[in-house]
Amino acid sequence: SPAGMVLSVLVILLLSVLYEAVKMGKAVLLRRALLALPRSLSQEALTQPQEGDSDPAQGSPSLMAFPVSFPRWFWFHVGQTLFHVVQVVLGYMVMLAVMSYNAWIFLGAIVGSTLGYFM
């Protein structure tokens, strides 16, 4: 039906916009993660707590291997991983829709990707 086709094209258009938004969000998160990394990438600098963090495991080597509070860059990496999973899922969904070989669906994906990049 024509209403179903219009709805399908709009859904694909929105999925394409969301894909581009997630891609840009991932780039912003990467920039923040790079700023959160310590200047020195030695093992001591990576396991040292940030300013203001308390370290109950001071002096205990077995507990130092698994710090209680993870550094900020670790949480940025977790966020990047989640953004990547969402980006891959959305990309495969749009690809699957385009593989239906429907010209309107294809145009919806192209327009959505263009709008998402523009915004």
PDB file of N, CA and C in Angstrom:
ATOM      1  N   SER A   1       0.837  -1.183   0.000  1.00  0.00           N
ATOM      2  CA  SER A   1       0.000   0.000   0.000  1.00  0.00           C
ATOM      3  C   SER A   1       0.886   1.252   0.000  1.00  0.00           C
ATOM      4  N   PRO A   2       0.380   2.320  -0.537  1.00  0.00           N
ATOM      5  CA  PRO A   2       1.181   3.558  -0.591  1.00  0.00           C
ATOM      6  C   PRO A   2       1.532   4.102   0.807  1.00  0.00           C
ATOM      7  N   ALA A   3       0.620   3.989   1.751  1.00  0.00           N
ATOM      8  CA  ALA A   3       0.905   4.492   3.105  1.00  0.00           C
ATOM      9  C   ALA A   3       2.014   3.674   3.753  1.00  0.00           C
ATOM     10  N   GLY A   4       2.010   2.384   3.531  1.00  0.00           N
ATOM     11  CA  GLY A   4       3.054   1.522   4.073  1.00  0.00           C
ATOM     12  C   GLY A   4       4.415   1.835   3.464  1.00  0.00           C
ATOM     13  N   MET A   5       4.424   2.134   2.170  1.00  0.00           N
ATOM     14  CA  MET A   5       5.682   2.476   1.510  1.00  0.00           C
ATOM     15  C   MET A   5       6.226   3.795   2.031  1.00  0.00           C
ATOM     16  N   VAL A   6       5.357   4.791   2.209  1.00  0.00           N
ATOM     17  CA  VAL A   6       5.790   6.090   2.729  1.00  0.00           C
ATOM     18  C   VAL A   6       6.334   5.922   4.144  1.00  0.00           C
ATOM     19  N   LEU A   7       5.662   5.122   4.949  1.00  0.00           N
ATOM     20  CA  LEU A   7       6.129   4.872   6.314  1.00  0.00           C
ATOM     21  C   LEU A   7       7.479   4.153   6.297  1.00  0.00           C
ATOM     22  N   SER A   8       7.643   3.204   5.410  1.00  0.00           N
ATOM     23  CA  SER A   8       8.917   2.484   5.298  1.00  0.00           C
ATOM     24  C   SER A   8      10.053   3.422   4.909  1.00  0.00           C
ATOM     25  N   VAL A   9       9.800   4.293   3.952  1.00  0.00           N
ATOM     26  CA  VAL A   9      10.826   5.238   3.511  1.00  0.00           C
ATOM     27  C   VAL A   9      11.180   6.194   4.658  1.00  0.00           C
ATOM     28  N   LEU A  10      10.177   6.656   5.405  1.00  0.00           N
ATOM     29  CA  LEU A  10      10.448   7.553   6.533  1.00  0.00           C
ATOM     30  C   LEU A  10      11.255   6.856   7.629  1.00  0.00           C
ATOM     31  N   VAL A  11      10.952   5.594   7.890  1.00  0.00           N
ATOM     32  CA  VAL A  11      11.699   4.853   8.906  1.00  0.00           C
ATOM     33  C   VAL A  11      13.152   4.687   8.472  1.00  0.00           C
ATOM     34  N   ILE A  12      13.378   4.347   7.227  1.00  0.00           N
ATOM     35  CA  ILE A  12      14.748   4.201   6.722  1.00  0.00           C
ATOM     36  C   ILE A  12      15.466   5.550   6.737  1.00  0.00           C
ATOM     37  N   LEU A  13      14.753   6.613   6.393  1.00  0.00           N
ATOM     38  CA  LEU A  13      15.342   7.941   6.436  1.00  0.00           C
ATOM     39  C   LEU A  13      15.779   8.277   7.867  1.00  0.00           C
ATOM     40  N   LEU A  14      14.923   8.012   8.841  1.00  0.00           N
ATOM     41  CA  LEU A  14      15.267   8.291  10.241  1.00  0.00           C
ATOM     42  C   LEU A  14      16.403   7.398  10.734  1.00  0.00           C
ATOM     43  N   LEU A  15      16.420   6.144  10.320  1.00  0.00           N
ATOM     44  CA  LEU A  15      17.524   5.261  10.702  1.00  0.00           C
ATOM     45  C   LEU A  15      18.852   5.758  10.132  1.00  0.00           C
ATOM     46  N   SER A  16      18.817   6.276   8.907  1.00  0.00           N
ATOM     47  CA  SER A  16      20.040   6.808   8.298  1.00  0.00           C
ATOM     48  C   SER A  16      20.510   8.066   9.018  1.00  0.00           C
ATOM     49  N   VAL A  17      19.577   8.927   9.409  1.00  0.00           N
ATOM     50  CA  VAL A  17      19.932  10.126  10.178  1.00  0.00           C
ATOM     51  C   VAL A  17      20.529   9.714  11.517  1.00  0.00           C
ATOM     52  N   LEU A  18      19.921   8.740  12.174  1.00  0.00           N
ATOM     53  CA  LEU A  18      20.421   8.262  13.465  1.00  0.00           C
ATOM     54  C   LEU A  18      21.803   7.640  13.323  1.00  0.00           C
ATOM     55  N   TYR A  19      22.034   6.931  12.225  1.00  0.00           N
ATOM     56  CA  TYR A  19      23.354   6.341  11.976  1.00  0.00           C
ATOM     57  C   TYR A  19      24.419   7.428  11.912  1.00  0.00           C
ATOM     58  N   GLU A  20      24.137   8.490  11.178  1.00  0.00           N
ATOM     59  CA  GLU A  20      25.105   9.586  11.061  1.00  0.00           C
ATOM     60  C   GLU A  20      25.297  10.291  12.405  1.00  0.00           C
ATOM     61  N   ALA A  21      24.235  10.431  13.181  1.00  0.00           N
ATOM     62  CA  ALA A  21      24.345  11.073  14.488  1.00  0.00           C
ATOM     63  C   ALA A  21      25.213  10.239  15.430  1.00  0.00           C
ATOM     64  N   VAL A  22      25.050   8.930  15.400  1.00  0.00           N
ATOM     65  CA  VAL A  22      25.864   8.050  16.238  1.00  0.00           C
ATOM     66  C   VAL A  22      27.319   8.116  15.800  1.00  0.00           C
ATOM     67  N   LYS A  23      27.542   8.189  14.488  1.00  0.00           N
ATOM     68  CA  LYS A  23      28.908   8.280  13.975  1.00  0.00           C
ATOM     69  C   LYS A  23      29.584   9.561  14.471  1.00  0.00           C
ATOM     70  N   MET A  24      28.863  10.661  14.467  1.00  0.00           N
ATOM     71  CA  MET A  24      29.437  11.918  14.951  1.00  0.00           C
ATOM     72  C   MET A  24      29.604  11.888  16.468  1.00  0.00           C
ATOM     73  N   GLY A  25      28.670  11.273  17.186  1.00  0.00           N
ATOM     74  CA  GLY A  25      28.799  11.151  18.642  1.00  0.00           C
ATOM     75  C   GLY A  25      30.012  10.320  19.025  1.00  0.00           C
ATOM     76  N   LYS A  26      30.282   9.311  18.240  1.00  0.00           N
ATOM     77  CA  LYS A  26      31.462   8.474  18.483  1.00  0.00           C
ATOM     78  C   LYS A  26      32.749   9.275  18.287  1.00  0.00           C
ATOM     79  N   ALA A  27      32.774  10.157  17.302  1.00  0.00           N
ATOM     80  CA  ALA A  27      33.955  10.985  17.063  1.00  0.00           C
ATOM     81  C   ALA A  27      34.155  11.986  18.202  1.00  0.00           C
ATOM     82  N   VAL A  28      33.074  12.557  18.706  1.00  0.00           N
ATOM     83  CA  VAL A  28      33.175  13.488  19.844  1.00  0.00           C
ATOM     84  C   VAL A  28      33.681  12.761  21.072  1.00  0.00           C
ATOM     85  N   LEU A  29      33.171  11.563  21.309  1.00  0.00           N
ATOM     86  CA  LEU A  29      33.606  10.783  22.465  1.00  0.00           C
ATOM     87  C   LEU A  29      35.073  10.384  22.342  1.00  0.00           C
ATOM     88  N   LEU A  30      35.528  10.099  21.132  1.00  0.00           N
ATOM     89  CA  LEU A  30      36.941   9.777  20.924  1.00  0.00           C
ATOM     90  C   LEU A  30      37.825  10.974  21.275  1.00  0.00           C
ATOM     91  N   ARG A  31      37.405  12.162  20.873  1.00  0.00           N
ATOM     92  CA  ARG A  31      38.187  13.366  21.191  1.00  0.00           C
ATOM     93  C   ARG A  31      38.266  13.569  22.704  1.00  0.00           C
ATOM     94  N   ARG A  32      37.148  13.371  23.402  1.00  0.00           N
ATOM     95  CA  ARG A  32      37.158  13.504  24.864  1.00  0.00           C
ATOM     96  C   ARG A  32      38.018  12.437  25.520  1.00  0.00           C
ATOM     97  N   ALA A  33      37.984  11.228  24.966  1.00  0.00           N
ATOM     98  CA  ALA A  33      38.798  10.147  25.536  1.00  0.00           C
ATOM     99  C   ALA A  33      40.281  10.449  25.365  1.00  0.00           C
ATOM    100  N   LEU A  34      40.648  11.008  24.229  1.00  0.00           N
ATOM    101  CA  LEU A  34      42.053  11.343  24.006  1.00  0.00           C
ATOM    102  C   LEU A  34      42.510  12.443  24.958  1.00  0.00           C
ATOM    103  N   LEU A  35      41.624  13.372  25.281  1.00  0.00           N
ATOM    104  CA  LEU A  35      41.969  14.422  26.239  1.00  0.00           C
ATOM    105  C   LEU A  35      42.067  13.876  27.658  1.00  0.00           C
ATOM    106  N   ALA A  36      41.356  12.787  27.956  1.00  0.00           N
ATOM    107  CA  ALA A  36      41.366  12.210  29.297  1.00  0.00           C
ATOM    108  C   ALA A  36      42.564  11.300  29.534  1.00  0.00           C
ATOM    109  N   LEU A  37      43.251  10.898  28.449  1.00  0.00           N
ATOM    110  CA  LEU A  37      44.419  10.037  28.620  1.00  0.00           C
ATOM    111  C   LEU A  37      45.531  10.795  29.339  1.00  0.00           C
ATOM    112  N   PRO A  38      46.273  10.110  30.186  1.00  0.00           N
ATOM    113  CA  PRO A  38      47.416  10.785  30.826  1.00  0.00           C
ATOM    114  C   PRO A  38      48.492  11.088  29.791  1.00  0.00           C
ATOM    115  N   ARG A  39      49.316  12.073  30.100  1.00  0.00           N
ATOM    116  CA  ARG A  39      50.392  12.447  29.180  1.00  0.00           C
ATOM    117  C   ARG A  39      51.363  11.294  28.967  1.00  0.00           C
ATOM    118  N   SER A  40      51.647  10.557  30.033  1.00  0.00           N
ATOM    119  CA  SER A  40      52.545   9.413  29.949  1.00  0.00           C
ATOM    120  C   SER A  40      51.698   8.151  29.909  1.00  0.00           C
ATOM    121  N   LEU A  41      51.991   7.269  28.976  1.00  0.00           N
ATOM    122  CA  LEU A  41      51.220   6.034  28.863  1.00  0.00           C
ATOM    123  C   LEU A  41      51.924   4.870  29.542  1.00  0.00           C
ATOM    124  N   SER A  42      52.703   5.161  30.563  1.00  0.00           N
ATOM    125  CA  SER A  42      53.357   4.085  31.295  1.00  0.00           C
ATOM    126  C   SER A  42      52.315   3.353  32.139  1.00  0.00           C
ATOM    127  N   GLN A  43      52.636   2.159  32.558  1.00  0.00           N
ATOM    128  CA  GLN A  43      51.704   1.356  33.345  1.00  0.00           C
ATOM    129  C   GLN A  43      51.359   2.058  34.658  1.00  0.00           C
ATOM    130  N   GLU A  44      52.341   2.749  35.263  1.00  0.00           N
ATOM    131  CA  GLU A  44      52.081   3.436  36.521  1.00  0.00           C
ATOM    132  C   GLU A  44      51.082   4.563  36.335  1.00  0.00           C
ATOM    133  N   ALA A  45      51.199   5.300  35.228  1.00  0.00           N
ATOM    134  CA  ALA A  45      50.292   6.419  34.986  1.00  0.00           C
ATOM    135  C   ALA A  45      48.882   5.933  34.698  1.00  0.00           C
ATOM    136  N   LEU A  46      48.753   4.778  34.063  1.00  0.00           N
ATOM    137  CA  LEU A  46      47.422   4.262  33.739  1.00  0.00           C
ATOM    138  C   LEU A  46      46.723   3.689  34.957  1.00  0.00           C
ATOM    139  N   THR A  47      47.476   3.142  35.915  1.00  0.00           N
ATOM    140  CA  THR A  47      46.833   2.562  37.094  1.00  0.00           C
ATOM    141  C   THR A  47      46.732   3.538  38.240  1.00  0.00           C
ATOM    142  N   GLN A  48      47.400   4.700  38.128  1.00  0.00           N
ATOM    143  CA  GLN A  48      47.300   5.707  39.182  1.00  0.00           C
ATOM    144  C   GLN A  48      45.909   6.289  39.182  1.00  0.00           C
ATOM    145  N   PRO A  49      45.337   6.522  40.372  1.00  0.00           N
ATOM    146  CA  PRO A  49      44.026   7.169  40.412  1.00  0.00           C
ATOM    147  C   PRO A  49      44.136   8.633  40.016  1.00  0.00           C
ATOM    148  N   GLN A  50      43.052   9.165  39.508  1.00  0.00           N
ATOM    149  CA  GLN A  50      43.027  10.572  39.126  1.00  0.00           C
ATOM    150  C   GLN A  50      42.989  11.440  40.376  1.00  0.00           C
ATOM    151  N   GLU A  51      43.159  12.749  40.200  1.00  0.00           N
ATOM    152  CA  GLU A  51      43.130  13.656  41.327  1.00  0.00           C
ATOM    153  C   GLU A  51      41.778  13.554  42.020  1.00  0.00           C
ATOM    154  N   GLY A  52      41.798  13.490  43.334  1.00  0.00           N
ATOM    155  CA  GLY A  52      40.563  13.437  44.101  1.00  0.00           C
ATOM    156  C   GLY A  52      40.048  12.034  44.342  1.00  0.00           C
ATOM    157  N   ASP A  53      40.574  11.033  43.678  1.00  0.00           N
ATOM    158  CA  ASP A  53      40.141   9.652  43.899  1.00  0.00           C
ATOM    159  C   ASP A  53      40.834   9.109  45.130  1.00  0.00           C
ATOM    160  N   SER A  54      40.128   8.289  45.896  1.00  0.00           N
ATOM    161  CA  SER A  54      40.762   7.635  47.034  1.00  0.00           C
ATOM    162  C   SER A  54      41.184   6.249  46.611  1.00  0.00           C
ATOM    163  N   ASP A  55      42.294   5.781  47.131  1.00  0.00           N
ATOM    164  CA  ASP A  55      42.831   4.480  46.728  1.00  0.00           C
ATOM    165  C   ASP A  55      42.963   3.598  47.960  1.00  0.00           C
ATOM    166  N   PRO A  56      41.962   2.741  48.236  1.00  0.00           N
ATOM    167  CA  PRO A  56      42.035   1.887  49.413  1.00  0.00           C
ATOM    168  C   PRO A  56      43.064   0.778  49.278  1.00  0.00           C
ATOM    169  N   ALA A  57      43.564   0.527  48.057  1.00  0.00           N
ATOM    170  CA  ALA A  57      44.468  -0.600  47.832  1.00  0.00           C
ATOM    171  C   ALA A  57      45.926  -0.164  47.836  1.00  0.00           C
ATOM    172  N   GLN A  58      46.227   0.958  48.456  1.00  0.00           N
ATOM    173  CA  GLN A  58      47.592   1.457  48.426  1.00  0.00           C
ATOM    174  C   GLN A  58      48.530   0.479  49.127  1.00  0.00           C
ATOM    175  N   GLY A  59      49.584   0.100  48.444  1.00  0.00           N
ATOM    176  CA  GLY A  59      50.586  -0.770  49.028  1.00  0.00           C
ATOM    177  C   GLY A  59      50.321  -2.246  48.812  1.00  0.00           C
ATOM    178  N   SER A  60      49.156  -2.616  48.309  1.00  0.00           N
ATOM    179  CA  SER A  60      48.836  -4.021  48.089  1.00  0.00           C
ATOM    180  C   SER A  60      48.931  -4.322  46.599  1.00  0.00           C
ATOM    181  N   PRO A  61      49.971  -5.051  46.149  1.00  0.00           N
ATOM    182  CA  PRO A  61      50.147  -5.275  44.713  1.00  0.00           C
ATOM    183  C   PRO A  61      49.015  -6.089  44.094  1.00  0.00           C
ATOM    184  N   SER A  62      48.418  -7.007  44.854  1.00  0.00           N
ATOM    185  CA  SER A  62      47.360  -7.824  44.263  1.00  0.00           C
ATOM    186  C   SER A  62      46.113  -6.993  43.998  1.00  0.00           C
ATOM    187  N   LEU A  63      45.845  -6.022  44.856  1.00  0.00           N
ATOM    188  CA  LEU A  63      44.678  -5.184  44.634  1.00  0.00           C
ATOM    189  C   LEU A  63      44.969  -4.059  43.654  1.00  0.00           C
ATOM    190  N   MET A  64      46.237  -3.721  43.469  1.00  0.00           N
ATOM    191  CA  MET A  64      46.580  -2.670  42.515  1.00  0.00           C
ATOM    192  C   MET A  64      46.333  -3.124  41.079  1.00  0.00           C
ATOM    193  N   ALA A  65      46.339  -4.429  40.839  1.00  0.00           N
ATOM    194  CA  ALA A  65      46.104  -4.931  39.485  1.00  0.00           C
ATOM    195  C   ALA A  65      44.662  -4.680  39.057  1.00  0.00           C
ATOM    196  N   PHE A  66      43.734  -4.629  39.998  1.00  0.00           N
ATOM    197  CA  PHE A  66      42.326  -4.387  39.708  1.00  0.00           C
ATOM    198  C   PHE A  66      41.860  -3.193  40.534  1.00  0.00           C
ATOM    199  N   PRO A  67      42.093  -1.977  40.029  1.00  0.00           N
ATOM    200  CA  PRO A  67      41.717  -0.809  40.820  1.00  0.00           C
ATOM    201  C   PRO A  67      40.213  -0.730  41.027  1.00  0.00           C
ATOM    202  N   VAL A  68      39.810  -0.220  42.173  1.00  0.00           N
ATOM    203  CA  VAL A  68      38.391  -0.118  42.502  1.00  0.00           C
ATOM    204  C   VAL A  68      37.727   0.926  41.619  1.00  0.00           C
ATOM    205  N   SER A  69      38.372   2.055  41.441  1.00  0.00           N
ATOM    206  CA  SER A  69      37.806   3.092  40.585  1.00  0.00           C
ATOM    207  C   SER A  69      38.618   3.145  39.288  1.00  0.00           C
ATOM    208  N   PHE A  70      37.950   2.895  38.194  1.00  0.00           N
ATOM    209  CA  PHE A  70      38.622   2.903  36.904  1.00  0.00           C
ATOM    210  C   PHE A  70      38.901   4.349  36.487  1.00  0.00           C
ATOM    211  N   PRO A  71      39.961   4.574  35.750  1.00  0.00           N
ATOM    212  CA  PRO A  71      40.252   5.929  35.263  1.00  0.00           C
ATOM    213  C   PRO A  71      39.200   6.398  34.262  1.00  0.00           C
ATOM    214  N   ARG A  72      39.174   7.701  34.047  1.00  0.00           N
ATOM    215  CA  ARG A  72      38.181   8.278  33.136  1.00  0.00           C
ATOM    216  C   ARG A  72      38.292   7.724  31.725  1.00  0.00           C
ATOM    217  N   TRP A  73      39.514   7.503  31.248  1.00  0.00           N
ATOM    218  CA  TRP A  73      39.667   7.035  29.865  1.00  0.00           C
ATOM    219  C   TRP A  73      39.026   5.671  29.671  1.00  0.00           C
ATOM    220  N   PHE A  74      38.963   4.848  30.728  1.00  0.00           N
ATOM    221  CA  PHE A  74      38.332   3.529  30.614  1.00  0.00           C
ATOM    222  C   PHE A  74      36.839   3.680  30.340  1.00  0.00           C
ATOM    223  N   TRP A  75      36.193   4.597  31.047  1.00  0.00           N
ATOM    224  CA  TRP A  75      34.755   4.786  30.850  1.00  0.00           C
ATOM    225  C   TRP A  75      34.472   5.393  29.478  1.00  0.00           C
ATOM    226  N   PHE A  76      35.363   6.259  28.994  1.00  0.00           N
ATOM    227  CA  PHE A  76      35.199   6.762  27.630  1.00  0.00           C
ATOM    228  C   PHE A  76      35.318   5.616  26.622  1.00  0.00           C
ATOM    229  N   HIS A  77      36.209   4.663  26.892  1.00  0.00           N
ATOM    230  CA  HIS A  77      36.374   3.521  25.993  1.00  0.00           C
ATOM    231  C   HIS A  77      35.122   2.633  26.008  1.00  0.00           C
ATOM    232  N   VAL A  78      34.525   2.455  27.178  1.00  0.00           N
ATOM    233  CA  VAL A  78      33.271   1.691  27.269  1.00  0.00           C
ATOM    234  C   VAL A  78      32.184   2.393  26.465  1.00  0.00           C
ATOM    235  N   GLY A  79      32.110   3.720  26.583  1.00  0.00           N
ATOM    236  CA  GLY A  79      31.129   4.482  25.813  1.00  0.00           C
ATOM    237  C   GLY A  79      31.352   4.356  24.317  1.00  0.00           C
ATOM    238  N   GLN A  80      32.624   4.416  23.899  1.00  0.00           N
ATOM    239  CA  GLN A  80      32.938   4.253  22.479  1.00  0.00           C
ATOM    240  C   GLN A  80      32.531   2.874  21.979  1.00  0.00           C
ATOM    241  N   THR A  81      32.739   1.862  22.805  1.00  0.00           N
ATOM    242  CA  THR A  81      32.363   0.499  22.414  1.00  0.00           C
ATOM    243  C   THR A  81      30.858   0.394  22.211  1.00  0.00           C
ATOM    244  N   LEU A  82      30.082   0.984  23.124  1.00  0.00           N
ATOM    245  CA  LEU A  82      28.623   0.948  22.984  1.00  0.00           C
ATOM    246  C   LEU A  82      28.170   1.727  21.749  1.00  0.00           C
ATOM    247  N   PHE A  83      28.777   2.890  21.514  1.00  0.00           N
ATOM    248  CA  PHE A  83      28.451   3.647  20.307  1.00  0.00           C
ATOM    249  C   PHE A  83      28.768   2.829  19.058  1.00  0.00           C
ATOM    250  N   HIS A  84      29.877   2.097  19.077  1.00  0.00           N
ATOM    251  CA  HIS A  84      30.257   1.292  17.916  1.00  0.00           C
ATOM    252  C   HIS A  84      29.240   0.192  17.652  1.00  0.00           C
ATOM    253  N   VAL A  85      28.778  -0.468  18.711  1.00  0.00           N
ATOM    254  CA  VAL A  85      27.783  -1.538  18.546  1.00  0.00           C
ATOM    255  C   VAL A  85      26.501  -0.968  17.942  1.00  0.00           C
ATOM    256  N   VAL A  86      26.046   0.173  18.460  1.00  0.00           N
ATOM    257  CA  VAL A  86      24.829   0.794  17.924  1.00  0.00           C
ATOM    258  C   VAL A  86      25.030   1.188  16.465  1.00  0.00           C
ATOM    259  N   GLN A  87      26.206   1.723  16.141  1.00  0.00           N
ATOM    260  CA  GLN A  87      26.489   2.125  14.768  1.00  0.00           C
ATOM    261  C   GLN A  87      26.484   0.927  13.823  1.00  0.00           C
ATOM    262  N   VAL A  88      27.066  -0.180  14.232  1.00  0.00           N
ATOM    263  CA  VAL A  88      27.104  -1.378  13.380  1.00  0.00           C
ATOM    264  C   VAL A  88      25.694  -1.924  13.174  1.00  0.00           C
ATOM    265  N   VAL A  89      24.904  -1.987  14.239  1.00  0.00           N
ATOM    266  CA  VAL A  89      23.534  -2.506  14.123  1.00  0.00           C
ATOM    267  C   VAL A  89      22.709  -1.628  13.190  1.00  0.00           C
ATOM    268  N   LEU A  90      22.788  -0.310  13.371  1.00  0.00           N
ATOM    269  CA  LEU A  90      22.039   0.585  12.477  1.00  0.00           C
ATOM    270  C   LEU A  90      22.520   0.468  11.036  1.00  0.00           C
ATOM    271  N   GLY A  91      23.814   0.365  10.841  1.00  0.00           N
ATOM    272  CA  GLY A  91      24.343   0.231   9.480  1.00  0.00           C
ATOM    273  C   GLY A  91      23.841  -1.027   8.789  1.00  0.00           C
ATOM    274  N   TYR A  92      23.832  -2.131   9.524  1.00  0.00           N
ATOM    275  CA  TYR A  92      23.342  -3.377   8.924  1.00  0.00           C
ATOM    276  C   TYR A  92      21.837  -3.317   8.659  1.00  0.00           C
ATOM    277  N   MET A  93      21.093  -2.631   9.525  1.00  0.00           N
ATOM    278  CA  MET A  93      19.651  -2.501   9.282  1.00  0.00           C
ATOM    279  C   MET A  93      19.378  -1.690   8.011  1.00  0.00           C
ATOM    280  N   VAL A  94      20.098  -0.588   7.844  1.00  0.00           N
ATOM    281  CA  VAL A  94      19.919   0.232   6.638  1.00  0.00           C
ATOM    282  C   VAL A  94      20.374  -0.554   5.410  1.00  0.00           C
ATOM    283  N   MET A  95      21.486  -1.277   5.524  1.00  0.00           N
ATOM    284  CA  MET A  95      21.969  -2.063   4.395  1.00  0.00           C
ATOM    285  C   MET A  95      20.945  -3.136   4.001  1.00  0.00           C
ATOM    286  N   LEU A  96      20.363  -3.783   5.002  1.00  0.00           N
ATOM    287  CA  LEU A  96      19.368  -4.809   4.710  1.00  0.00           C
ATOM    288  C   LEU A  96      18.158  -4.217   3.998  1.00  0.00           C
ATOM    289  N   ALA A  97      17.756  -3.022   4.409  1.00  0.00           N
ATOM    290  CA  ALA A  97      16.621  -2.372   3.744  1.00  0.00           C
ATOM    291  C   ALA A  97      16.977  -1.995   2.310  1.00  0.00           C
ATOM    292  N   VAL A  98      18.174  -1.493   2.100  1.00  0.00           N
ATOM    293  CA  VAL A  98      18.595  -1.112   0.750  1.00  0.00           C
ATOM    294  C   VAL A  98      18.685  -2.349  -0.143  1.00  0.00           C
ATOM    295  N   MET A  99      19.055  -3.476   0.428  1.00  0.00           N
ATOM    296  CA  MET A  99      19.172  -4.706  -0.356  1.00  0.00           C
ATOM    297  C   MET A  99      17.820  -5.264  -0.792  1.00  0.00           C
ATOM    298  N   SER A 100      16.732  -4.581  -0.430  1.00  0.00           N
ATOM    299  CA  SER A 100      15.421  -4.983  -0.946  1.00  0.00           C
ATOM    300  C   SER A 100      15.271  -4.547  -2.414  1.00  0.00           C
ATOM    301  N   TYR A 101      16.255  -3.775  -2.903  1.00  0.00           N
ATOM    302  CA  TYR A 101      16.288  -3.294  -4.290  1.00  0.00           C
ATOM    303  C   TYR A 101      15.054  -2.467  -4.648  1.00  0.00           C
ATOM    304  N   ASN A 102      14.591  -1.690  -3.668  1.00  0.00           N
ATOM    305  CA  ASN A 102      13.489  -0.771  -3.904  1.00  0.00           C
ATOM    306  C   ASN A 102      14.090   0.623  -4.036  1.00  0.00           C
ATOM    307  N   ALA A 103      13.771   1.306  -5.128  1.00  0.00           N
ATOM    308  CA  ALA A 103      14.365   2.618  -5.395  1.00  0.00           C
ATOM    309  C   ALA A 103      13.964   3.648  -4.344  1.00  0.00           C
ATOM    310  N   TRP A 104      12.728   3.587  -3.865  1.00  0.00           N
ATOM    311  CA  TRP A 104      12.285   4.565  -2.869  1.00  0.00           C
ATOM    312  C   TRP A 104      13.005   4.361  -1.534  1.00  0.00           C
ATOM    313  N   ILE A 105      13.192   3.120  -1.158  1.00  0.00           N
ATOM    314  CA  ILE A 105      13.931   2.825   0.075  1.00  0.00           C
ATOM    315  C   ILE A 105      15.379   3.292  -0.071  1.00  0.00           C
ATOM    316  N   PHE A 106      15.961   3.051  -1.244  1.00  0.00           N
ATOM    317  CA  PHE A 106      17.326   3.486  -1.497  1.00  0.00           C
ATOM    318  C   PHE A 106      17.434   5.007  -1.404  1.00  0.00           C
ATOM    319  N   LEU A 107      16.493   5.715  -2.006  1.00  0.00           N
ATOM    320  CA  LEU A 107      16.508   7.176  -1.938  1.00  0.00           C
ATOM    321  C   LEU A 107      16.300   7.667  -0.499  1.00  0.00           C
ATOM    322  N   GLY A 108      15.459   6.978   0.257  1.00  0.00           N
ATOM    323  CA  GLY A 108      15.270   7.343   1.672  1.00  0.00           C
ATOM    324  C   GLY A 108      16.562   7.197   2.458  1.00  0.00           C
ATOM    325  N   ALA A 109      17.326   6.137   2.175  1.00  0.00           N
ATOM    326  CA  ALA A 109      18.608   5.938   2.863  1.00  0.00           C
ATOM    327  C   ALA A 109      19.610   7.020   2.461  1.00  0.00           C
ATOM    328  N   ILE A 110      19.637   7.383   1.197  1.00  0.00           N
ATOM    329  CA  ILE A 110      20.564   8.421   0.716  1.00  0.00           C
ATOM    330  C   ILE A 110      20.191   9.783   1.307  1.00  0.00           C
ATOM    331  N   VAL A 111      18.917  10.138   1.261  1.00  0.00           N
ATOM    332  CA  VAL A 111      18.473  11.429   1.803  1.00  0.00           C
ATOM    333  C   VAL A 111      18.706  11.473   3.314  1.00  0.00           C
ATOM    334  N   GLY A 112      18.419  10.379   4.004  1.00  0.00           N
ATOM    335  CA  GLY A 112      18.643  10.334   5.448  1.00  0.00           C
ATOM    336  C   GLY A 112      20.112  10.475   5.807  1.00  0.00           C
ATOM    337  N   SER A 113      20.965   9.829   5.052  1.00  0.00           N
ATOM    338  CA  SER A 113      22.396   9.940   5.303  1.00  0.00           C
ATOM    339  C   SER A 113      22.889  11.360   5.035  1.00  0.00           C
ATOM    340  N   THR A 114      22.363  11.982   3.980  1.00  0.00           N
ATOM    341  CA  THR A 114      22.744  13.350   3.662  1.00  0.00           C
ATOM    342  C   THR A 114      22.272  14.315   4.751  1.00  0.00           C
ATOM    343  N   LEU A 115      21.021  14.171   5.182  1.00  0.00           N
ATOM    344  CA  LEU A 115      20.503  15.036   6.245  1.00  0.00           C
ATOM    345  C   LEU A 115      21.247  14.824   7.563  1.00  0.00           C
ATOM    346  N   GLY A 116      21.533  13.583   7.872  1.00  0.00           N
ATOM    347  CA  GLY A 116      22.257  13.286   9.101  1.00  0.00           C
ATOM    348  C   GLY A 116      23.651  13.883   9.101  1.00  0.00           C
ATOM    349  N   TYR A 117      24.329  13.843   7.977  1.00  0.00           N
ATOM    350  CA  TYR A 117      25.658  14.433   7.887  1.00  0.00           C
ATOM    351  C   TYR A 117      25.583  15.964   7.939  1.00  0.00           C
ATOM    352  N   PHE A 118      24.557  16.522   7.322  1.00  0.00           N
ATOM    353  CA  PHE A 118      24.399  17.968   7.283  1.00  0.00           C
ATOM    354  C   PHE A 118      24.120  18.524   8.674  1.00  0.00           C
ATOM    355  N   MET A 119      23.350  17.790   9.456  1.00  0.00           N
ATOM    356  CA  MET A 119      22.991  18.277  10.800  1.00  0.00           C
ATOM    357  C   MET A 119      24.175  18.074  11.702  1.00  0.00           C
TER     358      MET A 119
END
